[in-house]
Amino acid sequence: MESLRIIIADNESIIRMDLKEMLEEAGHIVIAEAPNGAKAVDLVRTHRPDLVIMDVQMPEMDGITAAKIISNEKIAPVLLLTAFSQKDIVEKAQDSGVLAYLVKPVKEANLFPAMGIAVSRFQEFAELEQELENVKSSLETRKILDRAKGILMDAYSLSETEAYRRIQQYSMSKRKSIKEVAEAIVGAAKKKN
């Protein structure tokens, strides 16, 4: 695994120190540490780390609440640590968007694979989200383009192919996207009506 920029959040300084040492010996960089969930969220927003390793039980704001905020804002993957493996905590962790979960005491043999899973899942989700945005944008462009073609076809008695060709030519000559040209045609038609 390549070197990661990591934030550690745990109210026990000895655990933070042990984790930091384990991570740095493996070539990772601990960019910040937090004693509670609220501070962790602030640090994550500021530093935008590659990974957050956070305890469940912390003062001010627990790790599950902090993980949910970080997950909802899509800032970084969260690996949650707990001294308990109770079913309700596991379920709450899953609902918070946590991508990996470890029971203390943390051992290197478990930590590094869990880190790899959390980071790769986070990247997969980001790629899927980008793909979804591209599909939405493509559909929006297609809808507006179909309306613009229809307007040109009605106004100038053109075939669909000829209407598209005119939009395409205008797009190239004005150095605008086809979507921008189609939006302008639809906008102009609305103003006329």
N, C-alpha and C. Protein backbone atom coordinates (compact mmCIF):
# COMPACT_ATOMS: atom_id res chain seq x y z
N MET A 1 0.84 -1.18 0.00
CA MET A 1 0.00 0.00 0.00
C MET A 1 0.89 1.24 0.00
N GLU A 2 0.51 2.22 -0.84
CA GLU A 2 1.30 3.45 -0.88
C GLU A 2 1.07 4.26 0.39
N SER A 3 1.95 5.19 0.65
CA SER A 3 1.89 6.01 1.85
C SER A 3 0.60 6.83 1.89
N LEU A 4 -0.08 6.80 3.03
CA LEU A 4 -1.33 7.53 3.20
C LEU A 4 -1.16 8.65 4.22
N ARG A 5 -1.92 9.73 4.02
CA ARG A 5 -2.01 10.81 4.99
C ARG A 5 -3.21 10.48 5.89
N ILE A 6 -2.96 10.33 7.18
CA ILE A 6 -3.98 9.78 8.09
C ILE A 6 -4.23 10.70 9.27
N ILE A 7 -5.51 10.76 9.69
CA ILE A 7 -5.88 11.42 10.94
C ILE A 7 -6.35 10.34 11.89
N ILE A 8 -5.84 10.40 13.12
CA ILE A 8 -6.23 9.45 14.17
C ILE A 8 -7.08 10.20 15.19
N ALA A 9 -8.21 9.59 15.58
CA ALA A 9 -9.06 10.18 16.61
C ALA A 9 -9.37 9.12 17.67
N ASP A 10 -8.90 9.38 18.87
CA ASP A 10 -9.16 8.48 20.00
C ASP A 10 -8.95 9.30 21.26
N ASN A 11 -9.81 9.16 22.25
CA ASN A 11 -9.65 9.95 23.47
C ASN A 11 -8.52 9.43 24.35
N GLU A 12 -8.00 8.25 24.06
CA GLU A 12 -6.87 7.71 24.82
C GLU A 12 -5.56 8.01 24.09
N SER A 13 -4.75 8.87 24.70
CA SER A 13 -3.50 9.31 24.05
C SER A 13 -2.54 8.15 23.81
N ILE A 14 -2.53 7.17 24.69
CA ILE A 14 -1.63 6.02 24.52
C ILE A 14 -1.99 5.22 23.27
N ILE A 15 -3.27 5.09 22.99
CA ILE A 15 -3.71 4.38 21.78
C ILE A 15 -3.34 5.18 20.54
N ARG A 16 -3.54 6.50 20.60
CA ARG A 16 -3.13 7.36 19.46
C ARG A 16 -1.64 7.22 19.22
N MET A 17 -0.86 7.23 20.30
CA MET A 17 0.59 7.12 20.18
C MET A 17 0.99 5.77 19.56
N ASP A 18 0.39 4.69 20.04
CA ASP A 18 0.70 3.35 19.49
C ASP A 18 0.33 3.26 18.01
N LEU A 19 -0.84 3.74 17.67
CA LEU A 19 -1.29 3.71 16.27
C LEU A 19 -0.36 4.54 15.39
N LYS A 20 -0.03 5.72 15.87
CA LYS A 20 0.84 6.61 15.11
C LYS A 20 2.18 5.93 14.83
N GLU A 21 2.75 5.32 15.85
CA GLU A 21 4.04 4.63 15.69
C GLU A 21 3.92 3.49 14.67
N MET A 22 2.86 2.69 14.79
CA MET A 22 2.64 1.56 13.88
C MET A 22 2.50 2.06 12.42
N LEU A 23 1.74 3.12 12.26
CA LEU A 23 1.49 3.67 10.92
C LEU A 23 2.75 4.29 10.32
N GLU A 24 3.47 5.06 11.12
CA GLU A 24 4.67 5.73 10.61
C GLU A 24 5.77 4.72 10.29
N GLU A 25 5.87 3.67 11.07
CA GLU A 25 6.86 2.62 10.77
C GLU A 25 6.55 1.95 9.44
N ALA A 26 5.28 1.94 9.05
CA ALA A 26 4.86 1.34 7.78
C ALA A 26 4.93 2.35 6.63
N GLY A 27 5.39 3.58 6.93
CA GLY A 27 5.57 4.57 5.87
C GLY A 27 4.42 5.54 5.68
N HIS A 28 3.42 5.49 6.56
CA HIS A 28 2.29 6.42 6.45
C HIS A 28 2.59 7.70 7.23
N ILE A 29 1.83 8.75 6.95
CA ILE A 29 2.04 10.03 7.61
C ILE A 29 0.80 10.36 8.43
N VAL A 30 0.97 10.51 9.72
CA VAL A 30 -0.13 10.92 10.58
C VAL A 30 -0.10 12.45 10.59
N ILE A 31 -1.08 13.05 9.92
CA ILE A 31 -1.07 14.51 9.75
C ILE A 31 -1.75 15.25 10.89
N ALA A 32 -2.57 14.54 11.67
CA ALA A 32 -3.23 15.18 12.81
C ALA A 32 -3.82 14.11 13.73
N GLU A 33 -4.04 14.53 14.99
CA GLU A 33 -4.66 13.65 15.98
C GLU A 33 -5.74 14.42 16.70
N ALA A 34 -6.79 13.70 17.10
CA ALA A 34 -7.91 14.33 17.80
C ALA A 34 -8.32 13.49 19.00
N PRO A 35 -8.68 14.16 20.12
CA PRO A 35 -9.12 13.44 21.32
C PRO A 35 -10.64 13.19 21.34
N ASN A 36 -11.38 13.75 20.35
CA ASN A 36 -12.83 13.57 20.32
C ASN A 36 -13.35 13.69 18.88
N GLY A 37 -14.59 13.31 18.69
CA GLY A 37 -15.18 13.30 17.36
C GLY A 37 -15.34 14.68 16.75
N ALA A 38 -15.71 15.67 17.55
CA ALA A 38 -15.91 17.03 17.04
C ALA A 38 -14.59 17.58 16.48
N LYS A 39 -13.52 17.41 17.22
CA LYS A 39 -12.20 17.88 16.76
C LYS A 39 -11.78 17.10 15.52
N ALA A 40 -12.09 15.81 15.49
CA ALA A 40 -11.75 14.98 14.34
C ALA A 40 -12.42 15.50 13.07
N VAL A 41 -13.72 15.82 13.18
CA VAL A 41 -14.44 16.34 12.01
C VAL A 41 -13.80 17.64 11.53
N ASP A 42 -13.46 18.54 12.46
CA ASP A 42 -12.80 19.80 12.08
C ASP A 42 -11.48 19.54 11.37
N LEU A 43 -10.68 18.64 11.92
CA LEU A 43 -9.37 18.33 11.33
C LEU A 43 -9.52 17.69 9.94
N VAL A 44 -10.51 16.82 9.81
CA VAL A 44 -10.74 16.16 8.51
C VAL A 44 -11.15 17.18 7.47
N ARG A 45 -12.03 18.10 7.84
CA ARG A 45 -12.45 19.15 6.90
C ARG A 45 -11.27 20.03 6.50
N THR A 46 -10.39 20.30 7.43
CA THR A 46 -9.24 21.17 7.15
C THR A 46 -8.16 20.47 6.33
N HIS A 47 -7.80 19.24 6.71
CA HIS A 47 -6.65 18.55 6.10
C HIS A 47 -6.99 17.60 4.96
N ARG A 48 -8.25 17.18 4.85
CA ARG A 48 -8.69 16.26 3.80
C ARG A 48 -7.73 15.07 3.65
N PRO A 49 -7.69 14.22 4.68
CA PRO A 49 -6.74 13.09 4.68
C PRO A 49 -7.16 11.98 3.71
N ASP A 50 -6.26 11.02 3.53
CA ASP A 50 -6.57 9.84 2.72
C ASP A 50 -7.38 8.83 3.52
N LEU A 51 -7.28 8.89 4.85
CA LEU A 51 -7.96 7.94 5.72
C LEU A 51 -8.11 8.53 7.12
N VAL A 52 -9.21 8.17 7.78
CA VAL A 52 -9.44 8.56 9.17
C VAL A 52 -9.58 7.27 9.97
N ILE A 53 -8.80 7.15 11.04
CA ILE A 53 -8.92 6.01 11.95
C ILE A 53 -9.47 6.58 13.25
N MET A 54 -10.67 6.10 13.64
CA MET A 54 -11.38 6.73 14.72
C MET A 54 -11.99 5.72 15.69
N ASP A 55 -11.91 6.04 16.97
CA ASP A 55 -12.53 5.22 18.00
C ASP A 55 -14.03 5.49 18.04
N VAL A 56 -14.81 4.52 18.47
CA VAL A 56 -16.26 4.67 18.60
C VAL A 56 -16.60 5.53 19.81
N GLN A 57 -16.04 5.19 20.97
CA GLN A 57 -16.37 5.87 22.22
C GLN A 57 -15.43 7.04 22.47
N MET A 58 -15.95 8.26 22.28
CA MET A 58 -15.16 9.46 22.54
C MET A 58 -16.08 10.53 23.14
N PRO A 59 -15.50 11.47 23.89
CA PRO A 59 -16.31 12.55 24.46
C PRO A 59 -16.71 13.58 23.39
N GLU A 60 -17.62 14.46 23.76
CA GLU A 60 -18.15 15.54 22.91
C GLU A 60 -18.96 15.01 21.73
N MET A 61 -18.33 14.21 20.88
CA MET A 61 -19.03 13.59 19.76
C MET A 61 -18.43 12.22 19.56
N ASP A 62 -19.28 11.19 19.55
CA ASP A 62 -18.74 9.83 19.41
C ASP A 62 -18.26 9.58 17.98
N GLY A 63 -17.52 8.51 17.81
CA GLY A 63 -16.93 8.20 16.51
C GLY A 63 -17.95 7.88 15.44
N ILE A 64 -19.07 7.27 15.83
CA ILE A 64 -20.09 6.93 14.83
C ILE A 64 -20.73 8.19 14.27
N THR A 65 -21.05 9.15 15.13
CA THR A 65 -21.62 10.43 14.68
C THR A 65 -20.62 11.17 13.80
N ALA A 66 -19.37 11.23 14.23
CA ALA A 66 -18.33 11.91 13.44
C ALA A 66 -18.14 11.21 12.09
N ALA A 67 -18.14 9.88 12.10
CA ALA A 67 -17.98 9.12 10.86
C ALA A 67 -19.11 9.41 9.90
N LYS A 68 -20.32 9.54 10.42
CA LYS A 68 -21.48 9.82 9.58
C LYS A 68 -21.33 11.18 8.90
N ILE A 69 -20.87 12.17 9.64
CA ILE A 69 -20.66 13.51 9.09
C ILE A 69 -19.60 13.45 7.98
N ILE A 70 -18.48 12.81 8.28
CA ILE A 70 -17.38 12.70 7.31
C ILE A 70 -17.84 11.94 6.07
N SER A 71 -18.60 10.88 6.28
CA SER A 71 -19.10 10.08 5.17
C SER A 71 -20.10 10.86 4.32
N ASN A 72 -21.03 11.57 4.97
CA ASN A 72 -22.02 12.36 4.24
C ASN A 72 -21.37 13.47 3.41
N GLU A 73 -20.28 14.03 3.93
CA GLU A 73 -19.57 15.09 3.20
C GLU A 73 -18.58 14.52 2.19
N LYS A 74 -18.45 13.19 2.17
CA LYS A 74 -17.59 12.48 1.21
C LYS A 74 -16.16 13.01 1.21
N ILE A 75 -15.62 13.20 2.43
CA ILE A 75 -14.27 13.76 2.55
C ILE A 75 -13.21 12.66 2.52
N ALA A 76 -13.41 11.62 3.31
CA ALA A 76 -12.38 10.58 3.44
C ALA A 76 -13.01 9.29 3.95
N PRO A 77 -12.35 8.16 3.68
CA PRO A 77 -12.83 6.90 4.24
C PRO A 77 -12.55 6.86 5.74
N VAL A 78 -13.44 6.18 6.47
CA VAL A 78 -13.28 6.07 7.92
C VAL A 78 -13.14 4.60 8.30
N LEU A 79 -12.12 4.33 9.09
CA LEU A 79 -11.90 3.02 9.69
C LEU A 79 -12.21 3.20 11.17
N LEU A 80 -13.23 2.50 11.65
CA LEU A 80 -13.69 2.66 13.02
C LEU A 80 -13.06 1.61 13.93
N LEU A 81 -12.64 2.05 15.11
CA LEU A 81 -12.07 1.15 16.13
C LEU A 81 -13.00 1.11 17.33
N THR A 82 -13.12 -0.04 17.93
CA THR A 82 -13.92 -0.15 19.14
C THR A 82 -13.39 -1.25 20.04
N ALA A 83 -13.66 -1.10 21.31
CA ALA A 83 -13.28 -2.14 22.26
C ALA A 83 -14.39 -3.19 22.34
N PHE A 84 -15.49 -2.91 21.66
CA PHE A 84 -16.66 -3.79 21.72
C PHE A 84 -17.00 -4.32 20.34
N SER A 85 -17.49 -5.56 20.29
CA SER A 85 -17.94 -6.10 19.00
C SER A 85 -19.43 -6.40 19.08
N GLN A 86 -20.14 -5.57 19.83
CA GLN A 86 -21.58 -5.76 19.99
C GLN A 86 -22.31 -5.51 18.69
N LYS A 87 -23.37 -6.27 18.47
CA LYS A 87 -24.12 -6.20 17.22
C LYS A 87 -24.68 -4.81 16.95
N ASP A 88 -25.22 -4.15 17.97
CA ASP A 88 -25.82 -2.82 17.75
C ASP A 88 -24.78 -1.79 17.35
N ILE A 89 -23.57 -1.90 17.87
CA ILE A 89 -22.50 -0.97 17.48
C ILE A 89 -22.09 -1.23 16.04
N VAL A 90 -22.00 -2.48 15.66
CA VAL A 90 -21.65 -2.83 14.27
C VAL A 90 -22.72 -2.28 13.32
N GLU A 91 -23.99 -2.43 13.67
CA GLU A 91 -25.08 -1.93 12.82
C GLU A 91 -25.03 -0.41 12.71
N LYS A 92 -24.80 0.27 13.84
CA LYS A 92 -24.69 1.74 13.81
C LYS A 92 -23.51 2.16 12.95
N ALA A 93 -22.42 1.44 13.04
CA ALA A 93 -21.23 1.76 12.24
C ALA A 93 -21.53 1.60 10.76
N GLN A 94 -22.24 0.55 10.39
CA GLN A 94 -22.60 0.35 8.99
C GLN A 94 -23.49 1.47 8.49
N ASP A 95 -24.45 1.90 9.30
CA ASP A 95 -25.36 2.98 8.92
C ASP A 95 -24.65 4.32 8.81
N SER A 96 -23.50 4.46 9.45
CA SER A 96 -22.79 5.74 9.43
C SER A 96 -21.92 5.92 8.19
N GLY A 97 -21.81 4.88 7.37
CA GLY A 97 -20.99 4.99 6.17
C GLY A 97 -19.55 4.56 6.39
N VAL A 98 -19.27 3.97 7.54
CA VAL A 98 -17.92 3.48 7.83
C VAL A 98 -17.58 2.38 6.83
N LEU A 99 -16.35 2.40 6.31
CA LEU A 99 -15.97 1.44 5.29
C LEU A 99 -15.18 0.25 5.83
N ALA A 100 -14.74 0.34 7.07
CA ALA A 100 -14.06 -0.79 7.71
C ALA A 100 -14.17 -0.61 9.22
N TYR A 101 -13.99 -1.72 9.93
CA TYR A 101 -14.26 -1.75 11.36
C TYR A 101 -13.30 -2.73 12.02
N LEU A 102 -12.64 -2.33 13.10
CA LEU A 102 -11.73 -3.21 13.82
C LEU A 102 -12.03 -3.19 15.32
N VAL A 103 -11.86 -4.34 15.95
CA VAL A 103 -12.01 -4.43 17.40
C VAL A 103 -10.62 -4.31 18.03
N LYS A 104 -10.52 -3.49 19.08
CA LYS A 104 -9.25 -3.32 19.79
C LYS A 104 -8.95 -4.58 20.58
N PRO A 105 -7.71 -4.88 20.88
CA PRO A 105 -6.50 -4.15 20.51
C PRO A 105 -6.17 -4.34 19.03
N VAL A 106 -5.70 -3.27 18.43
CA VAL A 106 -5.40 -3.27 17.00
C VAL A 106 -4.06 -3.95 16.76
N LYS A 107 -4.07 -4.88 15.84
CA LYS A 107 -2.83 -5.57 15.46
C LYS A 107 -2.52 -5.22 14.01
N GLU A 108 -1.22 -5.10 13.70
CA GLU A 108 -0.80 -4.77 12.33
C GLU A 108 -1.42 -5.70 11.31
N ALA A 109 -1.49 -6.99 11.64
CA ALA A 109 -2.02 -7.99 10.70
C ALA A 109 -3.47 -7.70 10.31
N ASN A 110 -4.21 -7.03 11.20
CA ASN A 110 -5.60 -6.67 10.90
C ASN A 110 -5.73 -5.24 10.37
N LEU A 111 -4.89 -4.35 10.90
CA LEU A 111 -4.99 -2.92 10.59
C LEU A 111 -4.75 -2.63 9.11
N PHE A 112 -3.66 -3.11 8.57
CA PHE A 112 -3.29 -2.72 7.20
C PHE A 112 -4.25 -3.26 6.14
N PRO A 113 -4.73 -4.51 6.25
CA PRO A 113 -5.74 -4.96 5.30
C PRO A 113 -7.04 -4.14 5.41
N ALA A 114 -7.44 -3.81 6.64
CA ALA A 114 -8.66 -3.01 6.83
C ALA A 114 -8.50 -1.62 6.23
N MET A 115 -7.30 -1.05 6.36
CA MET A 115 -7.02 0.26 5.76
C MET A 115 -7.14 0.17 4.24
N GLY A 116 -6.55 -0.87 3.67
CA GLY A 116 -6.61 -1.05 2.22
C GLY A 116 -8.04 -1.18 1.72
N ILE A 117 -8.85 -1.94 2.45
CA ILE A 117 -10.25 -2.11 2.07
C ILE A 117 -11.00 -0.78 2.15
N ALA A 118 -10.81 -0.04 3.24
CA ALA A 118 -11.50 1.25 3.41
C ALA A 118 -11.14 2.22 2.29
N VAL A 119 -9.87 2.33 1.97
CA VAL A 119 -9.43 3.27 0.93
C VAL A 119 -9.95 2.84 -0.44
N SER A 120 -9.85 1.55 -0.76
CA SER A 120 -10.29 1.11 -2.09
C SER A 120 -11.81 1.22 -2.23
N ARG A 121 -12.55 0.93 -1.19
CA ARG A 121 -14.02 1.08 -1.25
C ARG A 121 -14.40 2.54 -1.44
N PHE A 122 -13.72 3.43 -0.73
CA PHE A 122 -13.99 4.86 -0.85
C PHE A 122 -13.76 5.32 -2.30
N GLN A 123 -12.65 4.86 -2.90
CA GLN A 123 -12.35 5.22 -4.28
C GLN A 123 -13.41 4.65 -5.23
N GLU A 124 -13.83 3.41 -4.99
CA GLU A 124 -14.88 2.80 -5.82
C GLU A 124 -16.16 3.61 -5.75
N PHE A 125 -16.56 4.02 -4.55
CA PHE A 125 -17.77 4.82 -4.39
C PHE A 125 -17.64 6.16 -5.11
N ALA A 126 -16.47 6.79 -5.01
CA ALA A 126 -16.25 8.07 -5.68
C ALA A 126 -16.34 7.91 -7.20
N GLU A 127 -15.77 6.83 -7.72
CA GLU A 127 -15.84 6.57 -9.16
C GLU A 127 -17.28 6.30 -9.60
N LEU A 128 -18.01 5.53 -8.82
CA LEU A 128 -19.42 5.26 -9.14
C LEU A 128 -20.24 6.54 -9.12
N GLU A 129 -19.97 7.38 -8.15
CA GLU A 129 -20.70 8.65 -8.06
C GLU A 129 -20.39 9.54 -9.27
N GLN A 130 -19.13 9.56 -9.69
CA GLN A 130 -18.75 10.35 -10.86
C GLN A 130 -19.42 9.80 -12.11
N GLU A 131 -19.46 8.48 -12.21
CA GLU A 131 -20.12 7.84 -13.34
C GLU A 131 -21.61 8.19 -13.38
N LEU A 132 -22.24 8.17 -12.23
CA LEU A 132 -23.65 8.53 -12.13
C LEU A 132 -23.87 9.98 -12.56
N GLU A 133 -22.99 10.87 -12.12
CA GLU A 133 -23.10 12.27 -12.52
C GLU A 133 -22.95 12.43 -14.03
N ASN A 134 -22.01 11.67 -14.62
CA ASN A 134 -21.82 11.72 -16.06
C ASN A 134 -23.07 11.25 -16.80
N VAL A 135 -23.69 10.19 -16.30
CA VAL A 135 -24.91 9.67 -16.93
C VAL A 135 -26.03 10.69 -16.81
N LYS A 136 -26.19 11.30 -15.62
CA LYS A 136 -27.22 12.33 -15.43
C LYS A 136 -27.00 13.50 -16.39
N SER A 137 -25.74 13.94 -16.49
CA SER A 137 -25.41 15.05 -17.37
C SER A 137 -25.70 14.70 -18.83
N SER A 138 -25.36 13.47 -19.20
CA SER A 138 -25.60 13.00 -20.56
C SER A 138 -27.10 12.98 -20.87
N LEU A 139 -27.89 12.51 -19.91
CA LEU A 139 -29.35 12.48 -20.10
C LEU A 139 -29.92 13.89 -20.21
N GLU A 140 -29.44 14.80 -19.38
CA GLU A 140 -29.90 16.18 -19.44
C GLU A 140 -29.56 16.79 -20.80
N THR A 141 -28.33 16.54 -21.26
CA THR A 141 -27.92 17.06 -22.56
C THR A 141 -28.79 16.49 -23.67
N ARG A 142 -29.06 15.22 -23.59
CA ARG A 142 -29.89 14.57 -24.62
C ARG A 142 -31.31 15.16 -24.64
N LYS A 143 -31.89 15.37 -23.44
CA LYS A 143 -33.24 15.95 -23.37
C LYS A 143 -33.28 17.34 -24.00
N ILE A 144 -32.35 18.18 -23.61
CA ILE A 144 -32.34 19.56 -24.11
C ILE A 144 -32.03 19.58 -25.61
N LEU A 145 -31.16 18.68 -26.05
CA LEU A 145 -30.82 18.59 -27.47
C LEU A 145 -32.05 18.15 -28.28
N ASP A 146 -32.80 17.18 -27.77
CA ASP A 146 -34.01 16.74 -28.47
C ASP A 146 -35.03 17.87 -28.59
N ARG A 147 -35.17 18.66 -27.51
CA ARG A 147 -36.09 19.80 -27.58
C ARG A 147 -35.62 20.83 -28.59
N ALA A 148 -34.32 21.11 -28.57
CA ALA A 148 -33.77 22.10 -29.52
C ALA A 148 -33.94 21.63 -30.97
N LYS A 149 -33.68 20.35 -31.20
CA LYS A 149 -33.87 19.81 -32.57
C LYS A 149 -35.33 19.96 -32.98
N GLY A 150 -36.24 19.65 -32.09
CA GLY A 150 -37.67 19.78 -32.38
C GLY A 150 -38.05 21.20 -32.73
N ILE A 151 -37.50 22.16 -32.01
CA ILE A 151 -37.77 23.58 -32.28
C ILE A 151 -37.28 23.95 -33.68
N LEU A 152 -36.05 23.55 -34.02
CA LEU A 152 -35.50 23.85 -35.35
C LEU A 152 -36.28 23.14 -36.45
N MET A 153 -36.67 21.90 -36.19
CA MET A 153 -37.42 21.13 -37.18
C MET A 153 -38.76 21.83 -37.48
N ASP A 154 -39.45 22.28 -36.44
CA ASP A 154 -40.73 22.98 -36.62
C ASP A 154 -40.55 24.34 -37.30
N ALA A 155 -39.56 25.09 -36.85
CA ALA A 155 -39.37 26.45 -37.35
C ALA A 155 -38.89 26.49 -38.79
N TYR A 156 -38.04 25.55 -39.19
CA TYR A 156 -37.42 25.60 -40.52
C TYR A 156 -37.74 24.40 -41.39
N SER A 157 -38.69 23.57 -40.99
CA SER A 157 -39.07 22.36 -41.74
C SER A 157 -37.84 21.50 -42.07
N LEU A 158 -37.04 21.23 -41.05
CA LEU A 158 -35.82 20.44 -41.23
C LEU A 158 -36.06 19.00 -40.79
N SER A 159 -35.22 18.11 -41.30
CA SER A 159 -35.21 16.74 -40.79
C SER A 159 -34.46 16.76 -39.46
N GLU A 160 -34.60 15.71 -38.68
CA GLU A 160 -33.90 15.63 -37.41
C GLU A 160 -32.39 15.67 -37.62
N THR A 161 -31.91 14.97 -38.64
CA THR A 161 -30.48 14.95 -38.95
C THR A 161 -29.98 16.34 -39.29
N GLU A 162 -30.74 17.09 -40.12
CA GLU A 162 -30.32 18.44 -40.51
C GLU A 162 -30.35 19.38 -39.31
N ALA A 163 -31.37 19.25 -38.46
CA ALA A 163 -31.45 20.10 -37.27
C ALA A 163 -30.23 19.85 -36.37
N TYR A 164 -29.88 18.59 -36.18
CA TYR A 164 -28.71 18.25 -35.37
C TYR A 164 -27.44 18.81 -36.00
N ARG A 165 -27.32 18.67 -37.31
CA ARG A 165 -26.13 19.16 -38.01
C ARG A 165 -25.97 20.67 -37.81
N ARG A 166 -27.07 21.41 -37.87
CA ARG A 166 -27.00 22.87 -37.67
C ARG A 166 -26.56 23.22 -36.25
N ILE A 167 -27.09 22.49 -35.29
CA ILE A 167 -26.68 22.71 -33.89
C ILE A 167 -25.18 22.42 -33.75
N GLN A 168 -24.76 21.33 -34.35
CA GLN A 168 -23.35 20.92 -34.29
C GLN A 168 -22.44 21.96 -34.95
N GLN A 169 -22.84 22.44 -36.13
CA GLN A 169 -22.02 23.44 -36.84
C GLN A 169 -21.93 24.74 -36.03
N TYR A 170 -23.06 25.19 -35.50
CA TYR A 170 -23.06 26.40 -34.71
C TYR A 170 -22.19 26.23 -33.47
N SER A 171 -22.28 25.06 -32.88
CA SER A 171 -21.47 24.74 -31.71
C SER A 171 -19.98 24.88 -32.02
N MET A 172 -19.58 24.32 -33.14
CA MET A 172 -18.15 24.38 -33.52
C MET A 172 -17.73 25.80 -33.88
N SER A 173 -18.57 26.52 -34.62
CA SER A 173 -18.18 27.87 -35.05
C SER A 173 -18.11 28.85 -33.88
N LYS A 174 -18.93 28.67 -32.89
CA LYS A 174 -18.95 29.57 -31.73
C LYS A 174 -18.14 29.05 -30.55
N ARG A 175 -17.54 27.87 -30.73
CA ARG A 175 -16.75 27.24 -29.67
C ARG A 175 -17.56 27.09 -28.36
N LYS A 176 -18.77 26.60 -28.53
CA LYS A 176 -19.65 26.33 -27.39
C LYS A 176 -20.01 24.86 -27.44
N SER A 177 -20.37 24.32 -26.29
CA SER A 177 -20.78 22.91 -26.26
C SER A 177 -22.15 22.78 -26.93
N ILE A 178 -22.44 21.59 -27.39
CA ILE A 178 -23.75 21.33 -28.00
C ILE A 178 -24.85 21.61 -26.98
N LYS A 179 -24.61 21.28 -25.72
CA LYS A 179 -25.60 21.54 -24.68
C LYS A 179 -25.87 23.04 -24.55
N GLU A 180 -24.82 23.86 -24.59
CA GLU A 180 -25.00 25.31 -24.48
C GLU A 180 -25.82 25.85 -25.64
N VAL A 181 -25.54 25.37 -26.85
CA VAL A 181 -26.27 25.81 -28.04
C VAL A 181 -27.73 25.38 -27.92
N ALA A 182 -27.96 24.13 -27.53
CA ALA A 182 -29.33 23.62 -27.38
C ALA A 182 -30.09 24.42 -26.33
N GLU A 183 -29.43 24.73 -25.22
CA GLU A 183 -30.07 25.53 -24.17
C GLU A 183 -30.45 26.92 -24.68
N ALA A 184 -29.56 27.50 -25.49
CA ALA A 184 -29.84 28.83 -26.06
C ALA A 184 -31.05 28.78 -27.00
N ILE A 185 -31.14 27.73 -27.80
CA ILE A 185 -32.27 27.59 -28.73
C ILE A 185 -33.58 27.44 -27.95
N VAL A 186 -33.56 26.57 -26.94
CA VAL A 186 -34.77 26.36 -26.12
C VAL A 186 -35.14 27.64 -25.38
N GLY A 187 -34.12 28.32 -24.84
CA GLY A 187 -34.36 29.59 -24.13
C GLY A 187 -34.96 30.65 -25.04
N ALA A 188 -34.44 30.75 -26.26
CA ALA A 188 -34.96 31.73 -27.22
C ALA A 188 -36.40 31.39 -27.61
N ALA A 189 -36.69 30.12 -27.76
CA ALA A 189 -38.05 29.70 -28.13
C ALA A 189 -39.03 30.02 -26.99
N LYS A 190 -38.59 29.88 -25.75
CA LYS A 190 -39.46 30.20 -24.61
C LYS A 190 -39.77 31.70 -24.57
N LYS A 191 -38.77 32.51 -24.91
CA LYS A 191 -38.97 33.97 -24.90
C LYS A 191 -39.98 34.40 -25.95
N LYS A 192 -39.98 33.71 -27.10
CA LYS A 192 -40.92 34.03 -28.17
C LYS A 192 -42.35 33.74 -27.75
N ASN A 193 -42.52 32.68 -26.96
CA ASN A 193 -43.87 32.27 -26.57
C ASN A 193 -44.35 33.01 -25.38
